[in-house]
Amino acid sequence: MNIAALSVNMNLAQTQQEFGVSVLKMAMENSTEQVEEVLQEIGSLDPNLGNNIDVMA
């Protein structure tokens, strides 16, 4: 394999790795936003909800 082909292959591998890392970063940011939304919804619930059970039939 000549030097030019090796250089092209190494550049392609680096580009693919950078693309993979950027996709993973986007996925992590998206999941972080979803977790924050769920936590906000949980925080807005009534803390006394479900503490008492009516067992009279």
PDB file of N, CA and C in Angstrom:
ATOM      1  N   MET A   1       0.865  -1.179   0.000  1.00  0.00           N
ATOM      2  CA  MET A   1       0.000   0.000   0.000  1.00  0.00           C
ATOM      3  C   MET A   1       0.905   1.232   0.000  1.00  0.00           C
ATOM      4  N   ASN A   2       0.582   2.167  -0.843  1.00  0.00           N
ATOM      5  CA  ASN A   2       1.432   3.349  -0.919  1.00  0.00           C
ATOM      6  C   ASN A   2       1.018   4.387   0.135  1.00  0.00           C
ATOM      7  N   ILE A   3       1.836   5.393   0.275  1.00  0.00           N
ATOM      8  CA  ILE A   3       1.658   6.411   1.310  1.00  0.00           C
ATOM      9  C   ILE A   3       0.363   7.197   1.100  1.00  0.00           C
ATOM     10  N   ALA A   4       0.016   7.513  -0.132  1.00  0.00           N
ATOM     11  CA  ALA A   4      -1.193   8.293  -0.404  1.00  0.00           C
ATOM     12  C   ALA A   4      -2.444   7.524   0.011  1.00  0.00           C
ATOM     13  N   ALA A   5      -2.508   6.263  -0.327  1.00  0.00           N
ATOM     14  CA  ALA A   5      -3.669   5.447   0.039  1.00  0.00           C
ATOM     15  C   ALA A   5      -3.768   5.292   1.553  1.00  0.00           C
ATOM     16  N   LEU A   6      -2.653   5.129   2.210  1.00  0.00           N
ATOM     17  CA  LEU A   6      -2.638   5.023   3.666  1.00  0.00           C
ATOM     18  C   LEU A   6      -3.144   6.303   4.308  1.00  0.00           C
ATOM     19  N   SER A   7      -2.737   7.429   3.769  1.00  0.00           N
ATOM     20  CA  SER A   7      -3.171   8.720   4.287  1.00  0.00           C
ATOM     21  C   SER A   7      -4.682   8.894   4.108  1.00  0.00           C
ATOM     22  N   VAL A   8      -5.193   8.512   2.950  1.00  0.00           N
ATOM     23  CA  VAL A   8      -6.631   8.618   2.690  1.00  0.00           C
ATOM     24  C   VAL A   8      -7.405   7.722   3.654  1.00  0.00           C
ATOM     25  N   ASN A   9      -6.941   6.497   3.851  1.00  0.00           N
ATOM     26  CA  ASN A   9      -7.618   5.572   4.751  1.00  0.00           C
ATOM     27  C   ASN A   9      -7.602   6.063   6.197  1.00  0.00           C
ATOM     28  N   MET A  10      -6.486   6.628   6.630  1.00  0.00           N
ATOM     29  CA  MET A  10      -6.402   7.148   7.994  1.00  0.00           C
ATOM     30  C   MET A  10      -7.331   8.352   8.177  1.00  0.00           C
ATOM     31  N   ASN A  11      -7.404   9.202   7.160  1.00  0.00           N
ATOM     32  CA  ASN A  11      -8.280  10.371   7.227  1.00  0.00           C
ATOM     33  C   ASN A  11      -9.744   9.921   7.266  1.00  0.00           C
ATOM     34  N   LEU A  12     -10.090   8.926   6.476  1.00  0.00           N
ATOM     35  CA  LEU A  12     -11.447   8.397   6.465  1.00  0.00           C
ATOM     36  C   LEU A  12     -11.802   7.803   7.829  1.00  0.00           C
ATOM     37  N   ALA A  13     -10.891   7.065   8.423  1.00  0.00           N
ATOM     38  CA  ALA A  13     -11.142   6.473   9.735  1.00  0.00           C
ATOM     39  C   ALA A  13     -11.343   7.554  10.791  1.00  0.00           C
ATOM     40  N   GLN A  14     -10.551   8.599  10.747  1.00  0.00           N
ATOM     41  CA  GLN A  14     -10.691   9.691  11.704  1.00  0.00           C
ATOM     42  C   GLN A  14     -12.024  10.405  11.519  1.00  0.00           C
ATOM     43  N   THR A  15     -12.432  10.623  10.271  1.00  0.00           N
ATOM     44  CA  THR A  15     -13.712  11.270   9.994  1.00  0.00           C
ATOM     45  C   THR A  15     -14.873  10.420  10.498  1.00  0.00           C
ATOM     46  N   GLN A  16     -14.802   9.119  10.280  1.00  0.00           N
ATOM     47  CA  GLN A  16     -15.849   8.219  10.766  1.00  0.00           C
ATOM     48  C   GLN A  16     -15.919   8.228  12.290  1.00  0.00           C
ATOM     49  N   GLN A  17     -14.778   8.261  12.948  1.00  0.00           N
ATOM     50  CA  GLN A  17     -14.758   8.288  14.398  1.00  0.00           C
ATOM     51  C   GLN A  17     -15.357   9.595  14.925  1.00  0.00           C
ATOM     52  N   GLU A  18     -14.999  10.714  14.304  1.00  0.00           N
ATOM     53  CA  GLU A  18     -15.551  12.006  14.721  1.00  0.00           C
ATOM     54  C   GLU A  18     -17.058  12.044  14.516  1.00  0.00           C
ATOM     55  N   PHE A  19     -17.536  11.469  13.419  1.00  0.00           N
ATOM     56  CA  PHE A  19     -18.971  11.412  13.165  1.00  0.00           C
ATOM     57  C   PHE A  19     -19.669  10.573  14.234  1.00  0.00           C
ATOM     58  N   GLY A  20     -19.095   9.431  14.567  1.00  0.00           N
ATOM     59  CA  GLY A  20     -19.677   8.572  15.602  1.00  0.00           C
ATOM     60  C   GLY A  20     -19.744   9.272  16.947  1.00  0.00           C
ATOM     61  N   VAL A  21     -18.710   9.991  17.298  1.00  0.00           N
ATOM     62  CA  VAL A  21     -18.688  10.719  18.562  1.00  0.00           C
ATOM     63  C   VAL A  21     -19.751  11.811  18.575  1.00  0.00           C
ATOM     64  N   SER A  22     -19.912  12.518  17.468  1.00  0.00           N
ATOM     65  CA  SER A  22     -20.908  13.585  17.430  1.00  0.00           C
ATOM     66  C   SER A  22     -22.319  13.021  17.514  1.00  0.00           C
ATOM     67  N   VAL A  23     -22.573  11.864  16.907  1.00  0.00           N
ATOM     68  CA  VAL A  23     -23.892  11.228  17.012  1.00  0.00           C
ATOM     69  C   VAL A  23     -24.156  10.799  18.454  1.00  0.00           C
ATOM     70  N   LEU A  24     -23.160  10.244  19.114  1.00  0.00           N
ATOM     71  CA  LEU A  24     -23.325   9.848  20.515  1.00  0.00           C
ATOM     72  C   LEU A  24     -23.589  11.051  21.410  1.00  0.00           C
ATOM     73  N   LYS A  25     -22.917  12.168  21.147  1.00  0.00           N
ATOM     74  CA  LYS A  25     -23.147  13.390  21.927  1.00  0.00           C
ATOM     75  C   LYS A  25     -24.582  13.865  21.755  1.00  0.00           C
ATOM     76  N   MET A  26     -25.093  13.831  20.518  1.00  0.00           N
ATOM     77  CA  MET A  26     -26.474  14.239  20.276  1.00  0.00           C
ATOM     78  C   MET A  26     -27.450  13.331  21.022  1.00  0.00           C
ATOM     79  N   ALA A  27     -27.187  12.029  21.024  1.00  0.00           N
ATOM     80  CA  ALA A  27     -28.059  11.083  21.717  1.00  0.00           C
ATOM     81  C   ALA A  27     -28.029  11.331  23.219  1.00  0.00           C
ATOM     82  N   MET A  28     -26.862  11.613  23.767  1.00  0.00           N
ATOM     83  CA  MET A  28     -26.751  11.882  25.201  1.00  0.00           C
ATOM     84  C   MET A  28     -27.477  13.163  25.578  1.00  0.00           C
ATOM     85  N   GLU A  29     -27.356  14.203  24.767  1.00  0.00           N
ATOM     86  CA  GLU A  29     -28.041  15.465  25.042  1.00  0.00           C
ATOM     87  C   GLU A  29     -29.553  15.271  24.984  1.00  0.00           C
ATOM     88  N   ASN A  30     -30.006  14.489  24.014  1.00  0.00           N
ATOM     89  CA  ASN A  30     -31.435  14.238  23.866  1.00  0.00           C
ATOM     90  C   ASN A  30     -31.976  13.486  25.082  1.00  0.00           C
ATOM     91  N   SER A  31     -31.259  12.469  25.535  1.00  0.00           N
ATOM     92  CA  SER A  31     -31.728  11.703  26.686  1.00  0.00           C
ATOM     93  C   SER A  31     -31.662  12.551  27.959  1.00  0.00           C
ATOM     94  N   THR A  32     -30.685  13.433  28.069  1.00  0.00           N
ATOM     95  CA  THR A  32     -30.590  14.319  29.227  1.00  0.00           C
ATOM     96  C   THR A  32     -31.793  15.257  29.285  1.00  0.00           C
ATOM     97  N   GLU A  33     -32.184  15.785  28.128  1.00  0.00           N
ATOM     98  CA  GLU A  33     -33.355  16.662  28.079  1.00  0.00           C
ATOM     99  C   GLU A  33     -34.616  15.907  28.478  1.00  0.00           C
ATOM    100  N   GLN A  34     -34.753  14.660  28.042  1.00  0.00           N
ATOM    101  CA  GLN A  34     -35.929  13.869  28.380  1.00  0.00           C
ATOM    102  C   GLN A  34     -35.975  13.583  29.881  1.00  0.00           C
ATOM    103  N   VAL A  35     -34.846  13.288  30.480  1.00  0.00           N
ATOM    104  CA  VAL A  35     -34.795  13.027  31.919  1.00  0.00           C
ATOM    105  C   VAL A  35     -35.172  14.288  32.692  1.00  0.00           C
ATOM    106  N   GLU A  36     -34.683  15.437  32.253  1.00  0.00           N
ATOM    107  CA  GLU A  36     -35.019  16.694  32.922  1.00  0.00           C
ATOM    108  C   GLU A  36     -36.513  16.967  32.842  1.00  0.00           C
ATOM    109  N   GLU A  37     -37.143  16.679  31.699  1.00  0.00           N
ATOM    110  CA  GLU A  37     -38.582  16.879  31.561  1.00  0.00           C
ATOM    111  C   GLU A  37     -39.359  15.967  32.510  1.00  0.00           C
ATOM    112  N   VAL A  38     -38.938  14.713  32.614  1.00  0.00           N
ATOM    113  CA  VAL A  38     -39.609  13.769  33.506  1.00  0.00           C
ATOM    114  C   VAL A  38     -39.458  14.208  34.959  1.00  0.00           C
ATOM    115  N   LEU A  39     -38.289  14.660  35.331  1.00  0.00           N
ATOM    116  CA  LEU A  39     -38.073  15.118  36.704  1.00  0.00           C
ATOM    117  C   LEU A  39     -38.913  16.349  37.020  1.00  0.00           C
ATOM    118  N   GLN A  40     -39.090  17.236  36.058  1.00  0.00           N
ATOM    119  CA  GLN A  40     -39.938  18.404  36.282  1.00  0.00           C
ATOM    120  C   GLN A  40     -41.387  17.983  36.470  1.00  0.00           C
ATOM    121  N   GLU A  41     -41.844  17.002  35.695  1.00  0.00           N
ATOM    122  CA  GLU A  41     -43.215  16.525  35.841  1.00  0.00           C
ATOM    123  C   GLU A  41     -43.414  15.848  37.192  1.00  0.00           C
ATOM    124  N   ILE A  42     -42.443  15.082  37.625  1.00  0.00           N
ATOM    125  CA  ILE A  42     -42.542  14.407  38.919  1.00  0.00           C
ATOM    126  C   ILE A  42     -42.558  15.428  40.051  1.00  0.00           C
ATOM    127  N   GLY A  43     -41.769  16.468  39.931  1.00  0.00           N
ATOM    128  CA  GLY A  43     -41.704  17.494  40.964  1.00  0.00           C
ATOM    129  C   GLY A  43     -42.995  18.270  41.101  1.00  0.00           C
ATOM    130  N   SER A  44     -43.791  18.329  40.052  1.00  0.00           N
ATOM    131  CA  SER A  44     -45.030  19.091  40.105  1.00  0.00           C
ATOM    132  C   SER A  44     -46.200  18.276  40.646  1.00  0.00           C
ATOM    133  N   LEU A  45     -45.995  17.006  40.954  1.00  0.00           N
ATOM    134  CA  LEU A  45     -47.073  16.178  41.499  1.00  0.00           C
ATOM    135  C   LEU A  45     -47.351  16.533  42.950  1.00  0.00           C
ATOM    136  N   ASP A  46     -48.575  16.256  43.366  1.00  0.00           N
ATOM    137  CA  ASP A  46     -48.977  16.498  44.754  1.00  0.00           C
ATOM    138  C   ASP A  46     -48.255  15.495  45.659  1.00  0.00           C
ATOM    139  N   PRO A  47     -47.459  15.955  46.633  1.00  0.00           N
ATOM    140  CA  PRO A  47     -46.707  15.026  47.480  1.00  0.00           C
ATOM    141  C   PRO A  47     -47.605  14.198  48.393  1.00  0.00           C
ATOM    142  N   ASN A  48     -48.838  14.649  48.658  1.00  0.00           N
ATOM    143  CA  ASN A  48     -49.750  13.901  49.523  1.00  0.00           C
ATOM    144  C   ASN A  48     -50.604  12.896  48.759  1.00  0.00           C
ATOM    145  N   LEU A  49     -50.516  12.885  47.468  1.00  0.00           N
ATOM    146  CA  LEU A  49     -51.308  11.997  46.646  1.00  0.00           C
ATOM    147  C   LEU A  49     -50.897  10.553  46.877  1.00  0.00           C
ATOM    148  N   GLY A  50     -51.865   9.717  47.242  1.00  0.00           N
ATOM    149  CA  GLY A  50     -51.593   8.284  47.433  1.00  0.00           C
ATOM    150  C   GLY A  50     -51.166   7.919  48.829  1.00  0.00           C
ATOM    151  N   ASN A  51     -51.160   8.849  49.759  1.00  0.00           N
ATOM    152  CA  ASN A  51     -50.736   8.528  51.132  1.00  0.00           C
ATOM    153  C   ASN A  51     -51.842   7.840  51.924  1.00  0.00           C
ATOM    154  N   ASN A  52     -53.097   8.083  51.574  1.00  0.00           N
ATOM    155  CA  ASN A  52     -54.233   7.500  52.310  1.00  0.00           C
ATOM    156  C   ASN A  52     -54.994   6.544  51.413  1.00  0.00           C
ATOM    157  N   ILE A  53     -55.420   5.432  51.999  1.00  0.00           N
ATOM    158  CA  ILE A  53     -56.211   4.439  51.270  1.00  0.00           C
ATOM    159  C   ILE A  53     -57.532   4.259  52.012  1.00  0.00           C
ATOM    160  N   ASP A  54     -58.642   4.384  51.287  1.00  0.00           N
ATOM    161  CA  ASP A  54     -59.963   4.162  51.868  1.00  0.00           C
ATOM    162  C   ASP A  54     -60.314   2.694  51.706  1.00  0.00           C
ATOM    163  N   VAL A  55     -60.350   1.978  52.838  1.00  0.00           N
ATOM    164  CA  VAL A  55     -60.606   0.548  52.801  1.00  0.00           C
ATOM    165  C   VAL A  55     -62.071   0.202  53.110  1.00  0.00           C
ATOM    166  N   MET A  56     -62.918   1.179  53.299  1.00  0.00           N
ATOM    167  CA  MET A  56     -64.335   0.932  53.566  1.00  0.00           C
ATOM    168  C   MET A  56     -65.030   0.636  52.249  1.00  0.00           C
ATOM    169  N   ALA A  57     -65.825  -0.437  52.252  1.00  0.00           N
ATOM    170  CA  ALA A  57     -66.547  -0.802  51.019  1.00  0.00           C
ATOM    171  C   ALA A  57     -68.021  -0.522  51.165  1.00  0.00           C
TER     172      ALA A  57
END
